[in-house]
Amino acid sequence: MNTLDKIAQALIALKSVEVGSLVKAALEENISAEEILNSGLIKGMNEIGAQFKIGKIYVPQVMLAARAMYTGLDILNPILSEQNVEPAGIVAIGTVKGDMHDIGKNLVAMMMEGAGIKIIDLGTNVTADKFIDAIKNDGAQIVAMSALLTTTMQEMKTNIEQITNAGLRDQVKVMVGGAPITQEYADEIGADGYTADAGSAAEMAKEFLK
């Protein structure tokens, strides 16, 4: 097994320290930071996403996998920045206004980051203005909105309307998710995509960014 496969396997095994050591070893072998990212860390996170999707692993394991991924990313990011390696794209993510839930949002953000996407995490209780700023000022190509309450679902519709009114709707994809959200609701409010789990959200984002 080569070092890149070992990185992926260590990440799947949730071994943060081992991932860090292997990333350093790969750099010493003159493997590029970009290749370590794509064929090591992202490969491992893709498998974590697949296992999470079918219920083979659960939220605590995904959190540990993300910790292992960030251990590797902390080593690689300065090198990737120096080499001007571009992310797969930029996603602005947040839980909508009036809603303070963030576990689902954080999971989606981790899975997307694990897929090589740059994440602008706007946090919780996010107004339409903040999503619009992320499109205008940070170059977000996707806006990902989460709502965990039936009372805050309506904010998704409001946000899409505000993005449209700002003249930005044609330059951004809108993804929605959360416990009360359905495909029917996503269609009704004019969202581009809905997924029921974090792994699928990362896959959809990658497709949108192609």
N, C-alpha and C. Protein backbone atom coordinates (compact mmCIF):
# COMPACT_ATOMS: atom_id res chain seq x y z
N MET A 1 0.84 -1.19 0.00
CA MET A 1 0.00 0.00 0.00
C MET A 1 0.88 1.25 0.00
N ASN A 2 0.63 2.18 -0.95
CA ASN A 2 1.46 3.38 -0.98
C ASN A 2 1.03 4.39 0.08
N THR A 3 1.80 5.44 0.24
CA THR A 3 1.55 6.41 1.33
C THR A 3 0.20 7.09 1.19
N LEU A 4 -0.21 7.40 -0.04
CA LEU A 4 -1.50 8.07 -0.24
C LEU A 4 -2.66 7.17 0.19
N ASP A 5 -2.57 5.88 -0.14
CA ASP A 5 -3.59 4.93 0.30
C ASP A 5 -3.60 4.81 1.82
N LYS A 6 -2.39 4.85 2.40
CA LYS A 6 -2.29 4.77 3.87
C LYS A 6 -2.97 5.98 4.53
N ILE A 7 -2.82 7.17 3.90
CA ILE A 7 -3.47 8.37 4.44
C ILE A 7 -4.98 8.19 4.42
N ALA A 8 -5.49 7.75 3.28
CA ALA A 8 -6.94 7.52 3.15
C ALA A 8 -7.43 6.51 4.19
N GLN A 9 -6.68 5.42 4.35
CA GLN A 9 -7.07 4.37 5.29
C GLN A 9 -7.01 4.85 6.74
N ALA A 10 -5.99 5.64 7.07
CA ALA A 10 -5.86 6.18 8.43
C ALA A 10 -7.02 7.13 8.74
N LEU A 11 -7.43 7.91 7.74
CA LEU A 11 -8.55 8.82 7.92
C LEU A 11 -9.84 8.02 8.15
N ILE A 12 -10.05 6.99 7.33
CA ILE A 12 -11.24 6.13 7.47
C ILE A 12 -11.24 5.45 8.84
N ALA A 13 -10.03 5.14 9.34
CA ALA A 13 -9.89 4.51 10.68
C ALA A 13 -9.95 5.55 11.80
N LEU A 14 -10.14 6.84 11.45
CA LEU A 14 -10.32 7.94 12.40
C LEU A 14 -9.07 8.23 13.23
N LYS A 15 -7.89 8.00 12.64
CA LYS A 15 -6.62 8.15 13.38
C LYS A 15 -5.94 9.47 13.01
N SER A 16 -6.25 10.52 13.75
CA SER A 16 -5.74 11.87 13.46
C SER A 16 -4.22 11.95 13.45
N VAL A 17 -3.60 11.42 14.50
CA VAL A 17 -2.14 11.52 14.64
C VAL A 17 -1.46 10.80 13.48
N GLU A 18 -1.98 9.63 13.14
CA GLU A 18 -1.40 8.85 12.05
C GLU A 18 -1.55 9.60 10.72
N VAL A 19 -2.70 10.24 10.52
CA VAL A 19 -2.90 11.02 9.28
C VAL A 19 -1.84 12.12 9.19
N GLY A 20 -1.62 12.84 10.29
CA GLY A 20 -0.61 13.90 10.30
C GLY A 20 0.77 13.38 9.96
N SER A 21 1.14 12.26 10.57
CA SER A 21 2.47 11.67 10.32
C SER A 21 2.62 11.23 8.87
N LEU A 22 1.56 10.63 8.33
CA LEU A 22 1.61 10.13 6.95
C LEU A 22 1.65 11.27 5.93
N VAL A 23 0.94 12.37 6.23
CA VAL A 23 0.97 13.53 5.33
C VAL A 23 2.40 14.08 5.28
N LYS A 24 3.03 14.18 6.44
CA LYS A 24 4.43 14.64 6.48
C LYS A 24 5.35 13.68 5.71
N ALA A 25 5.11 12.38 5.88
CA ALA A 25 5.92 11.37 5.18
C ALA A 25 5.74 11.50 3.66
N ALA A 26 4.52 11.75 3.24
CA ALA A 26 4.25 11.89 1.80
C ALA A 26 4.97 13.11 1.23
N LEU A 27 4.99 14.20 1.99
CA LEU A 27 5.70 15.41 1.55
C LEU A 27 7.20 15.12 1.42
N GLU A 28 7.73 14.34 2.37
CA GLU A 28 9.16 13.97 2.33
C GLU A 28 9.47 13.08 1.13
N GLU A 29 8.44 12.36 0.66
CA GLU A 29 8.61 11.52 -0.54
C GLU A 29 8.44 12.35 -1.82
N ASN A 30 8.33 13.68 -1.64
CA ASN A 30 8.15 14.61 -2.77
C ASN A 30 6.83 14.40 -3.52
N ILE A 31 5.82 13.91 -2.81
CA ILE A 31 4.47 13.86 -3.39
C ILE A 31 3.88 15.26 -3.21
N SER A 32 3.26 15.79 -4.25
CA SER A 32 2.76 17.17 -4.18
C SER A 32 1.61 17.28 -3.17
N ALA A 33 1.50 18.47 -2.60
CA ALA A 33 0.42 18.74 -1.62
C ALA A 33 -0.94 18.51 -2.25
N GLU A 34 -1.06 18.89 -3.52
CA GLU A 34 -2.35 18.73 -4.22
C GLU A 34 -2.72 17.25 -4.36
N GLU A 35 -1.71 16.43 -4.67
CA GLU A 35 -1.97 14.99 -4.81
C GLU A 35 -2.30 14.36 -3.46
N ILE A 36 -1.62 14.82 -2.41
CA ILE A 36 -1.92 14.31 -1.06
C ILE A 36 -3.36 14.66 -0.69
N LEU A 37 -3.75 15.88 -1.03
CA LEU A 37 -5.13 16.32 -0.75
C LEU A 37 -6.13 15.45 -1.51
N ASN A 38 -5.93 15.33 -2.82
CA ASN A 38 -6.91 14.64 -3.67
C ASN A 38 -6.92 13.13 -3.51
N SER A 39 -5.72 12.53 -3.48
CA SER A 39 -5.65 11.06 -3.47
C SER A 39 -5.49 10.47 -2.08
N GLY A 40 -5.36 11.34 -1.08
CA GLY A 40 -5.27 10.87 0.31
C GLY A 40 -6.46 11.33 1.12
N LEU A 41 -6.49 12.61 1.46
CA LEU A 41 -7.53 13.13 2.36
C LEU A 41 -8.93 13.08 1.74
N ILE A 42 -9.06 13.58 0.50
CA ILE A 42 -10.38 13.61 -0.13
C ILE A 42 -10.88 12.19 -0.41
N LYS A 43 -9.96 11.33 -0.82
CA LYS A 43 -10.33 9.93 -1.07
C LYS A 43 -10.90 9.30 0.22
N GLY A 44 -10.24 9.56 1.34
CA GLY A 44 -10.71 9.04 2.63
C GLY A 44 -12.06 9.60 3.02
N MET A 45 -12.22 10.93 2.85
CA MET A 45 -13.49 11.57 3.22
C MET A 45 -14.63 11.12 2.31
N ASN A 46 -14.33 10.82 1.06
CA ASN A 46 -15.37 10.30 0.16
C ASN A 46 -15.91 8.98 0.68
N GLU A 47 -15.01 8.15 1.18
CA GLU A 47 -15.43 6.85 1.74
C GLU A 47 -16.24 7.06 3.02
N ILE A 48 -15.82 8.01 3.85
CA ILE A 48 -16.57 8.34 5.07
C ILE A 48 -17.99 8.78 4.70
N GLY A 49 -18.08 9.63 3.67
CA GLY A 49 -19.40 10.10 3.20
C GLY A 49 -20.27 8.96 2.73
N ALA A 50 -19.67 8.03 2.01
CA ALA A 50 -20.42 6.87 1.49
C ALA A 50 -20.92 6.00 2.64
N GLN A 51 -20.06 5.80 3.65
CA GLN A 51 -20.45 4.97 4.80
C GLN A 51 -21.54 5.64 5.63
N PHE A 52 -21.44 6.97 5.75
CA PHE A 52 -22.43 7.75 6.52
C PHE A 52 -23.79 7.67 5.81
N LYS A 53 -23.76 7.76 4.50
CA LYS A 53 -24.99 7.77 3.70
C LYS A 53 -25.79 6.49 3.87
N ILE A 54 -25.09 5.35 3.99
CA ILE A 54 -25.80 4.06 4.11
C ILE A 54 -26.00 3.63 5.57
N GLY A 55 -25.64 4.52 6.50
CA GLY A 55 -25.86 4.23 7.92
C GLY A 55 -24.86 3.28 8.54
N LYS A 56 -23.71 3.14 7.89
CA LYS A 56 -22.67 2.25 8.43
C LYS A 56 -21.92 2.94 9.57
N ILE A 57 -21.80 4.27 9.48
CA ILE A 57 -21.22 5.06 10.56
C ILE A 57 -22.18 6.21 10.88
N TYR A 58 -21.93 6.88 12.02
CA TYR A 58 -22.85 7.91 12.49
C TYR A 58 -22.11 9.22 12.76
N VAL A 59 -22.86 10.21 13.24
CA VAL A 59 -22.30 11.56 13.42
C VAL A 59 -20.99 11.58 14.21
N PRO A 60 -20.87 10.86 15.35
CA PRO A 60 -19.61 10.94 16.10
C PRO A 60 -18.39 10.51 15.27
N GLN A 61 -18.57 9.46 14.46
CA GLN A 61 -17.45 8.99 13.61
C GLN A 61 -17.12 10.02 12.53
N VAL A 62 -18.15 10.67 11.98
CA VAL A 62 -17.89 11.70 10.96
C VAL A 62 -17.10 12.86 11.57
N MET A 63 -17.46 13.21 12.81
CA MET A 63 -16.74 14.29 13.51
C MET A 63 -15.27 13.91 13.71
N LEU A 64 -15.02 12.65 14.08
CA LEU A 64 -13.64 12.19 14.28
C LEU A 64 -12.88 12.14 12.94
N ALA A 65 -13.58 11.74 11.89
CA ALA A 65 -12.96 11.73 10.56
C ALA A 65 -12.59 13.15 10.14
N ALA A 66 -13.48 14.09 10.44
CA ALA A 66 -13.22 15.49 10.09
C ALA A 66 -12.00 16.00 10.86
N ARG A 67 -11.89 15.59 12.12
CA ARG A 67 -10.73 16.01 12.91
C ARG A 67 -9.43 15.48 12.28
N ALA A 68 -9.48 14.23 11.81
CA ALA A 68 -8.32 13.64 11.14
C ALA A 68 -8.01 14.39 9.85
N MET A 69 -9.07 14.74 9.11
CA MET A 69 -8.88 15.48 7.87
C MET A 69 -8.23 16.84 8.14
N TYR A 70 -8.74 17.55 9.17
CA TYR A 70 -8.19 18.87 9.48
C TYR A 70 -6.73 18.79 9.93
N THR A 71 -6.36 17.69 10.58
CA THR A 71 -4.95 17.48 10.96
C THR A 71 -4.07 17.50 9.72
N GLY A 72 -4.54 16.81 8.67
CA GLY A 72 -3.80 16.80 7.41
C GLY A 72 -3.85 18.14 6.70
N LEU A 73 -5.03 18.76 6.69
CA LEU A 73 -5.20 20.05 6.00
C LEU A 73 -4.33 21.14 6.63
N ASP A 74 -4.20 21.11 7.95
CA ASP A 74 -3.38 22.13 8.63
C ASP A 74 -1.94 22.10 8.12
N ILE A 75 -1.46 20.90 7.79
CA ILE A 75 -0.09 20.76 7.26
C ILE A 75 -0.05 21.20 5.79
N LEU A 76 -1.08 20.86 5.03
CA LEU A 76 -1.07 21.11 3.59
C LEU A 76 -1.45 22.53 3.18
N ASN A 77 -2.35 23.16 3.94
CA ASN A 77 -2.90 24.45 3.51
C ASN A 77 -1.85 25.53 3.20
N PRO A 78 -0.82 25.70 4.06
CA PRO A 78 0.19 26.72 3.72
C PRO A 78 0.88 26.43 2.39
N ILE A 79 1.12 25.15 2.10
CA ILE A 79 1.78 24.77 0.85
C ILE A 79 0.84 24.99 -0.33
N LEU A 80 -0.42 24.60 -0.16
CA LEU A 80 -1.41 24.77 -1.23
C LEU A 80 -1.59 26.26 -1.55
N SER A 81 -1.58 27.10 -0.52
CA SER A 81 -1.71 28.55 -0.73
C SER A 81 -0.52 29.09 -1.51
N GLU A 82 0.68 28.66 -1.10
CA GLU A 82 1.92 29.09 -1.78
C GLU A 82 1.90 28.70 -3.26
N GLN A 83 1.35 27.52 -3.52
CA GLN A 83 1.35 27.01 -4.89
C GLN A 83 0.12 27.46 -5.68
N ASN A 84 -0.69 28.31 -5.03
CA ASN A 84 -1.93 28.81 -5.66
C ASN A 84 -2.83 27.70 -6.17
N VAL A 85 -2.93 26.62 -5.40
CA VAL A 85 -3.83 25.53 -5.78
C VAL A 85 -5.26 25.98 -5.49
N GLU A 86 -6.07 26.00 -6.51
CA GLU A 86 -7.44 26.48 -6.37
C GLU A 86 -8.34 25.40 -5.78
N PRO A 87 -9.28 25.79 -4.89
CA PRO A 87 -10.27 24.82 -4.40
C PRO A 87 -11.22 24.44 -5.53
N ALA A 88 -11.99 23.39 -5.31
CA ALA A 88 -12.97 22.94 -6.33
C ALA A 88 -14.04 23.99 -6.57
N GLY A 89 -14.23 24.88 -5.60
CA GLY A 89 -15.24 25.93 -5.70
C GLY A 89 -15.47 26.54 -4.33
N ILE A 90 -16.42 27.47 -4.26
CA ILE A 90 -16.68 28.18 -2.99
C ILE A 90 -18.15 28.04 -2.64
N VAL A 91 -18.41 27.58 -1.42
CA VAL A 91 -19.78 27.44 -0.91
C VAL A 91 -19.94 28.29 0.34
N ALA A 92 -20.99 29.11 0.36
CA ALA A 92 -21.38 29.84 1.58
C ALA A 92 -22.49 29.04 2.24
N ILE A 93 -22.29 28.68 3.49
CA ILE A 93 -23.25 27.83 4.18
C ILE A 93 -23.70 28.48 5.49
N GLY A 94 -24.98 28.30 5.81
CA GLY A 94 -25.47 28.86 7.07
C GLY A 94 -26.85 28.34 7.42
N THR A 95 -27.17 28.40 8.70
CA THR A 95 -28.53 28.09 9.17
C THR A 95 -29.33 29.40 9.11
N VAL A 96 -30.54 29.34 8.60
CA VAL A 96 -31.30 30.55 8.29
C VAL A 96 -31.71 31.35 9.54
N LYS A 97 -32.10 32.58 9.28
CA LYS A 97 -32.53 33.52 10.32
C LYS A 97 -33.58 32.89 11.24
N GLY A 98 -33.38 33.06 12.55
CA GLY A 98 -34.32 32.55 13.54
C GLY A 98 -34.03 31.13 14.00
N ASP A 99 -33.02 30.51 13.40
CA ASP A 99 -32.71 29.11 13.70
C ASP A 99 -31.26 28.99 14.18
N MET A 100 -31.07 28.41 15.36
CA MET A 100 -29.74 28.34 15.97
C MET A 100 -29.12 26.94 15.88
N HIS A 101 -29.77 26.02 15.18
CA HIS A 101 -29.24 24.65 15.07
C HIS A 101 -28.05 24.62 14.12
N ASP A 102 -27.01 23.89 14.50
CA ASP A 102 -25.83 23.89 13.61
C ASP A 102 -25.17 22.54 13.39
N ILE A 103 -25.64 21.47 14.02
CA ILE A 103 -24.94 20.19 13.87
C ILE A 103 -25.01 19.71 12.41
N GLY A 104 -26.22 19.75 11.82
CA GLY A 104 -26.37 19.32 10.43
C GLY A 104 -25.56 20.18 9.49
N LYS A 105 -25.62 21.49 9.70
CA LYS A 105 -24.85 22.43 8.87
C LYS A 105 -23.36 22.13 8.97
N ASN A 106 -22.89 21.91 10.18
CA ASN A 106 -21.46 21.65 10.38
C ASN A 106 -21.02 20.36 9.69
N LEU A 107 -21.89 19.35 9.74
CA LEU A 107 -21.59 18.08 9.06
C LEU A 107 -21.46 18.29 7.56
N VAL A 108 -22.41 19.03 6.99
CA VAL A 108 -22.37 19.30 5.55
C VAL A 108 -21.10 20.08 5.20
N ALA A 109 -20.79 21.09 6.01
CA ALA A 109 -19.58 21.89 5.77
C ALA A 109 -18.33 21.01 5.79
N MET A 110 -18.24 20.11 6.76
CA MET A 110 -17.09 19.20 6.86
C MET A 110 -16.98 18.30 5.63
N MET A 111 -18.12 17.75 5.22
CA MET A 111 -18.10 16.83 4.07
C MET A 111 -17.73 17.59 2.80
N MET A 112 -18.22 18.80 2.66
CA MET A 112 -17.88 19.60 1.48
C MET A 112 -16.40 19.98 1.49
N GLU A 113 -15.91 20.37 2.67
CA GLU A 113 -14.48 20.71 2.77
C GLU A 113 -13.63 19.48 2.48
N GLY A 114 -14.13 18.33 2.94
CA GLY A 114 -13.45 17.07 2.66
C GLY A 114 -13.44 16.72 1.18
N ALA A 115 -14.32 17.36 0.41
CA ALA A 115 -14.36 17.14 -1.04
C ALA A 115 -13.54 18.20 -1.79
N GLY A 116 -12.78 19.01 -1.04
CA GLY A 116 -11.89 19.98 -1.68
C GLY A 116 -12.53 21.32 -1.98
N ILE A 117 -13.69 21.57 -1.37
CA ILE A 117 -14.42 22.82 -1.60
C ILE A 117 -14.07 23.82 -0.49
N LYS A 118 -13.90 25.09 -0.86
CA LYS A 118 -13.68 26.14 0.14
C LYS A 118 -15.02 26.51 0.76
N ILE A 119 -15.06 26.53 2.09
CA ILE A 119 -16.30 26.80 2.81
C ILE A 119 -16.25 28.17 3.48
N ILE A 120 -17.30 28.95 3.24
CA ILE A 120 -17.51 30.19 4.02
C ILE A 120 -18.65 29.86 4.97
N ASP A 121 -18.31 29.61 6.23
CA ASP A 121 -19.33 29.23 7.21
C ASP A 121 -19.89 30.49 7.87
N LEU A 122 -21.13 30.80 7.55
CA LEU A 122 -21.78 32.02 8.06
C LEU A 122 -22.41 31.80 9.42
N GLY A 123 -22.40 30.55 9.90
CA GLY A 123 -22.92 30.27 11.24
C GLY A 123 -24.42 30.06 11.25
N THR A 124 -25.06 30.47 12.36
CA THR A 124 -26.50 30.28 12.52
C THR A 124 -27.20 31.65 12.50
N ASN A 125 -28.53 31.62 12.43
CA ASN A 125 -29.33 32.86 12.44
C ASN A 125 -28.87 33.81 11.33
N VAL A 126 -28.67 33.26 10.13
CA VAL A 126 -28.07 34.01 9.02
C VAL A 126 -29.16 34.71 8.20
N THR A 127 -29.01 36.01 8.04
CA THR A 127 -29.96 36.80 7.26
C THR A 127 -29.64 36.71 5.76
N ALA A 128 -30.60 37.10 4.95
CA ALA A 128 -30.40 37.12 3.49
C ALA A 128 -29.21 37.99 3.12
N ASP A 129 -29.04 39.11 3.81
CA ASP A 129 -27.94 40.04 3.50
C ASP A 129 -26.58 39.35 3.58
N LYS A 130 -26.42 38.47 4.58
CA LYS A 130 -25.13 37.79 4.75
C LYS A 130 -24.86 36.82 3.61
N PHE A 131 -25.90 36.12 3.16
CA PHE A 131 -25.75 35.23 2.01
C PHE A 131 -25.40 36.05 0.76
N ILE A 132 -26.07 37.19 0.60
CA ILE A 132 -25.82 38.06 -0.56
C ILE A 132 -24.39 38.60 -0.53
N ASP A 133 -23.93 39.01 0.65
CA ASP A 133 -22.54 39.50 0.79
C ASP A 133 -21.54 38.42 0.38
N ALA A 134 -21.83 37.17 0.78
CA ALA A 134 -20.91 36.06 0.45
C ALA A 134 -20.84 35.83 -1.06
N ILE A 135 -21.95 36.06 -1.75
CA ILE A 135 -21.94 35.91 -3.22
C ILE A 135 -21.17 37.07 -3.84
N LYS A 136 -21.50 38.28 -3.38
CA LYS A 136 -20.89 39.49 -3.97
C LYS A 136 -19.42 39.62 -3.64
N ASN A 137 -19.07 39.47 -2.37
CA ASN A 137 -17.72 39.81 -1.90
C ASN A 137 -16.76 38.63 -1.80
N ASP A 138 -17.31 37.42 -1.61
CA ASP A 138 -16.44 36.25 -1.43
C ASP A 138 -16.48 35.30 -2.61
N GLY A 139 -17.31 35.61 -3.60
CA GLY A 139 -17.35 34.77 -4.81
C GLY A 139 -18.02 33.43 -4.62
N ALA A 140 -18.94 33.33 -3.65
CA ALA A 140 -19.64 32.06 -3.42
C ALA A 140 -20.39 31.65 -4.68
N GLN A 141 -20.17 30.41 -5.11
CA GLN A 141 -20.85 29.88 -6.29
C GLN A 141 -22.08 29.07 -5.92
N ILE A 142 -22.10 28.64 -4.65
CA ILE A 142 -23.25 27.91 -4.11
C ILE A 142 -23.60 28.53 -2.76
N VAL A 143 -24.91 28.69 -2.51
CA VAL A 143 -25.40 29.07 -1.19
C VAL A 143 -26.11 27.84 -0.64
N ALA A 144 -25.67 27.35 0.52
CA ALA A 144 -26.28 26.18 1.16
C ALA A 144 -26.97 26.62 2.44
N MET A 145 -28.30 26.43 2.48
CA MET A 145 -29.09 26.90 3.62
C MET A 145 -29.68 25.73 4.38
N SER A 146 -29.62 25.84 5.70
CA SER A 146 -30.16 24.80 6.57
C SER A 146 -31.27 25.38 7.45
N ALA A 147 -32.32 24.60 7.68
CA ALA A 147 -33.37 24.96 8.64
C ALA A 147 -33.79 23.69 9.37
N LEU A 148 -33.87 23.78 10.68
CA LEU A 148 -34.26 22.61 11.48
C LEU A 148 -35.66 22.75 12.07
N LEU A 149 -36.27 23.92 11.87
CA LEU A 149 -37.59 24.18 12.44
C LEU A 149 -38.59 24.48 11.32
N THR A 150 -39.81 24.00 11.48
CA THR A 150 -40.84 24.32 10.48
C THR A 150 -41.11 25.83 10.46
N THR A 151 -40.88 26.48 11.58
CA THR A 151 -41.14 27.93 11.66
C THR A 151 -40.09 28.76 10.92
N THR A 152 -38.91 28.17 10.64
CA THR A 152 -37.86 28.95 9.95
C THR A 152 -37.71 28.54 8.49
N MET A 153 -38.44 27.51 8.06
CA MET A 153 -38.37 27.07 6.66
C MET A 153 -38.65 28.22 5.69
N GLN A 154 -39.61 29.05 6.05
CA GLN A 154 -40.03 30.15 5.17
C GLN A 154 -38.87 31.09 4.83
N GLU A 155 -37.88 31.16 5.75
CA GLU A 155 -36.73 32.05 5.50
C GLU A 155 -35.96 31.65 4.24
N MET A 156 -35.98 30.36 3.91
CA MET A 156 -35.30 29.90 2.69
C MET A 156 -35.91 30.56 1.46
N LYS A 157 -37.26 30.58 1.43
CA LYS A 157 -37.97 31.22 0.31
C LYS A 157 -37.63 32.71 0.26
N THR A 158 -37.67 33.36 1.43
CA THR A 158 -37.34 34.79 1.52
C THR A 158 -35.93 35.05 1.00
N ASN A 159 -34.98 34.21 1.41
CA ASN A 159 -33.59 34.40 1.00
C ASN A 159 -33.43 34.27 -0.52
N ILE A 160 -34.09 33.28 -1.10
CA ILE A 160 -34.01 33.10 -2.56
C ILE A 160 -34.60 34.32 -3.27
N GLU A 161 -35.71 34.83 -2.73
CA GLU A 161 -36.33 36.03 -3.32
C GLU A 161 -35.38 37.23 -3.24
N GLN A 162 -34.70 37.37 -2.08
CA GLN A 162 -33.78 38.50 -1.88
C GLN A 162 -32.56 38.37 -2.80
N ILE A 163 -32.06 37.15 -2.97
CA ILE A 163 -30.93 36.91 -3.88
C ILE A 163 -31.34 37.26 -5.31
N THR A 164 -32.57 36.89 -5.66
CA THR A 164 -33.11 37.21 -7.00
C THR A 164 -33.24 38.73 -7.17
N ASN A 165 -33.79 39.39 -6.15
CA ASN A 165 -33.98 40.85 -6.20
C ASN A 165 -32.65 41.59 -6.31
N ALA A 166 -31.59 40.97 -5.76
CA ALA A 166 -30.25 41.59 -5.82
C ALA A 166 -29.59 41.36 -7.19
N GLY A 167 -30.27 40.62 -8.07
CA GLY A 167 -29.75 40.37 -9.41
C GLY A 167 -28.66 39.32 -9.45
N LEU A 168 -28.63 38.44 -8.43
CA LEU A 168 -27.54 37.47 -8.31
C LEU A 168 -27.97 36.02 -8.54
N ARG A 169 -29.27 35.82 -8.74
CA ARG A 169 -29.78 34.44 -8.77
C ARG A 169 -29.17 33.60 -9.89
N ASP A 170 -28.87 34.24 -11.03
CA ASP A 170 -28.35 33.46 -12.16
C ASP A 170 -26.88 33.09 -12.02
N GLN A 171 -26.21 33.62 -10.98
CA GLN A 171 -24.79 33.30 -10.84
C GLN A 171 -24.49 32.41 -9.63
N VAL A 172 -25.54 31.87 -9.03
CA VAL A 172 -25.34 31.04 -7.84
C VAL A 172 -26.34 29.89 -7.82
N LYS A 173 -25.90 28.73 -7.33
CA LYS A 173 -26.80 27.61 -7.10
C LYS A 173 -27.23 27.65 -5.63
N VAL A 174 -28.49 27.33 -5.37
CA VAL A 174 -29.00 27.32 -4.00
C VAL A 174 -29.34 25.90 -3.60
N MET A 175 -28.71 25.45 -2.50
CA MET A 175 -28.99 24.13 -1.94
C MET A 175 -29.67 24.30 -0.59
N VAL A 176 -30.64 23.44 -0.30
CA VAL A 176 -31.36 23.51 0.97
C VAL A 176 -31.39 22.15 1.63
N GLY A 177 -31.48 22.15 2.96
CA GLY A 177 -31.57 20.90 3.70
C GLY A 177 -31.97 21.14 5.14
N GLY A 178 -32.21 20.05 5.86
CA GLY A 178 -32.64 20.14 7.25
C GLY A 178 -33.82 19.23 7.49
N ALA A 179 -34.07 18.93 8.75
CA ALA A 179 -35.09 17.92 9.10
C ALA A 179 -36.47 18.13 8.46
N PRO A 180 -37.03 19.35 8.44
CA PRO A 180 -38.38 19.49 7.89
C PRO A 180 -38.42 19.69 6.37
N ILE A 181 -37.25 19.79 5.73
CA ILE A 181 -37.20 20.12 4.30
C ILE A 181 -37.40 18.87 3.45
N THR A 182 -38.13 19.02 2.37
CA THR A 182 -38.37 17.92 1.44
C THR A 182 -38.02 18.38 0.02
N GLN A 183 -37.93 17.43 -0.89
CA GLN A 183 -37.70 17.77 -2.29
C GLN A 183 -38.83 18.65 -2.81
N GLU A 184 -40.06 18.34 -2.39
CA GLU A 184 -41.22 19.12 -2.84
C GLU A 184 -41.09 20.57 -2.41
N TYR A 185 -40.66 20.78 -1.15
CA TYR A 185 -40.52 22.15 -0.67
C TYR A 185 -39.40 22.87 -1.42
N ALA A 186 -38.29 22.17 -1.67
CA ALA A 186 -37.17 22.76 -2.42
C ALA A 186 -37.64 23.20 -3.80
N ASP A 187 -38.45 22.36 -4.46
CA ASP A 187 -38.98 22.70 -5.78
C ASP A 187 -39.92 23.91 -5.69
N GLU A 188 -40.74 23.90 -4.67
CA GLU A 188 -41.73 24.97 -4.48
C GLU A 188 -41.09 26.35 -4.33
N ILE A 189 -39.95 26.41 -3.61
CA ILE A 189 -39.32 27.72 -3.36
C ILE A 189 -38.27 28.07 -4.41
N GLY A 190 -38.05 27.17 -5.37
CA GLY A 190 -37.12 27.47 -6.45
C GLY A 190 -35.66 27.22 -6.13
N ALA A 191 -35.40 26.30 -5.18
CA ALA A 191 -34.00 25.93 -4.90
C ALA A 191 -33.49 25.04 -6.02
N ASP A 192 -32.17 25.00 -6.19
CA ASP A 192 -31.57 24.16 -7.24
C ASP A 192 -31.37 22.74 -6.78
N GLY A 193 -31.25 22.54 -5.46
CA GLY A 193 -30.96 21.19 -4.99
C GLY A 193 -31.37 20.98 -3.55
N TYR A 194 -31.73 19.74 -3.24
CA TYR A 194 -32.04 19.32 -1.86
C TYR A 194 -31.42 17.95 -1.66
N THR A 195 -30.81 17.73 -0.51
CA THR A 195 -30.35 16.39 -0.16
C THR A 195 -30.71 16.11 1.29
N ALA A 196 -30.84 14.83 1.60
CA ALA A 196 -31.25 14.42 2.94
C ALA A 196 -30.08 14.17 3.88
N ASP A 197 -28.86 14.09 3.34
CA ASP A 197 -27.71 13.81 4.22
C ASP A 197 -26.46 14.55 3.73
N ALA A 198 -25.48 14.63 4.62
CA ALA A 198 -24.28 15.43 4.35
C ALA A 198 -23.44 14.88 3.20
N GLY A 199 -23.33 13.57 3.11
CA GLY A 199 -22.54 12.98 2.03
C GLY A 199 -23.12 13.31 0.67
N SER A 200 -24.44 13.22 0.56
CA SER A 200 -25.12 13.54 -0.71
C SER A 200 -24.98 15.02 -1.03
N ALA A 201 -25.00 15.86 0.00
CA ALA A 201 -24.85 17.31 -0.21
C ALA A 201 -23.48 17.62 -0.82
N ALA A 202 -22.44 16.96 -0.31
CA ALA A 202 -21.10 17.18 -0.85
C ALA A 202 -21.02 16.72 -2.31
N GLU A 203 -21.65 15.58 -2.61
CA GLU A 203 -21.66 15.06 -3.99
C GLU A 203 -22.38 16.04 -4.92
N MET A 204 -23.52 16.55 -4.46
CA MET A 204 -24.30 17.50 -5.27
C MET A 204 -23.51 18.77 -5.53
N ALA A 205 -22.85 19.27 -4.48
CA ALA A 205 -22.04 20.50 -4.63
C ALA A 205 -20.94 20.29 -5.67
N LYS A 206 -20.29 19.13 -5.61
CA LYS A 206 -19.23 18.84 -6.59
C LYS A 206 -19.78 18.85 -8.01
N GLU A 207 -20.98 18.30 -8.19
CA GLU A 207 -21.62 18.27 -9.51
C GLU A 207 -21.92 19.70 -9.99
N PHE A 208 -22.47 20.51 -9.08
CA PHE A 208 -22.80 21.89 -9.42
C PHE A 208 -21.56 22.69 -9.81
N LEU A 209 -20.43 22.36 -9.19
CA LEU A 209 -19.20 23.14 -9.41
C LEU A 209 -18.41 22.69 -10.64
N LYS A 210 -18.82 21.60 -11.25
CA LYS A 210 -18.08 21.09 -12.42
C LYS A 210 -18.18 22.07 -13.58
